[in-house]
Amino acid sequence: MLAVERAHLMAEQHAGDRVAHLGLAGLGVAAQGRLLIVVLQPNLFIQASPTDYERSLSELCGEGFRRAVLEDYGLFDPVVRRSPNHIVATEAMDALQPSPYLDWMHVTSSGNECVAEVVAGFVADLLAGN
């Protein structure tokens, strides 16, 4: 149990590092007159209603890997949400058929288009002053 607790502590420390790194990245981008937009993208393991294909693909990855990704996403989510300009696009591909997933995170062009549409809407709102 001690090893598991230590792993969680290290993961939480890395989450703090991510916040600091995003802050530095934001400052660097702002110094160039640009805006940093942080996007939390979908992955195979967070599909709301996985298809048979997606369940099979998930099984190929293994339960341990799936849990690790979900845990890491659990740490990333609040980091992304703390960023001033953030997009949580984790549901962007939930209804896409056929499944866009090639593996646990890489997707077809239709999957990339779904995420791009979410980002484009966000950018349009920013440009409109919303």
Foldseek 3Di string as FASTA:
>chain_A
DVVVVVVVVVLLVVLVVLLVVVVVVQVVQVVVVHGDEAEAEAWLLPQPDDDPVSVVLVVVCPPVVSVVVVVSVVSVVVSQVPGPHYYYCHHQCNPDPPFQDPHGHDGDVVSVVSVVVRVVVSVVCVVVVD
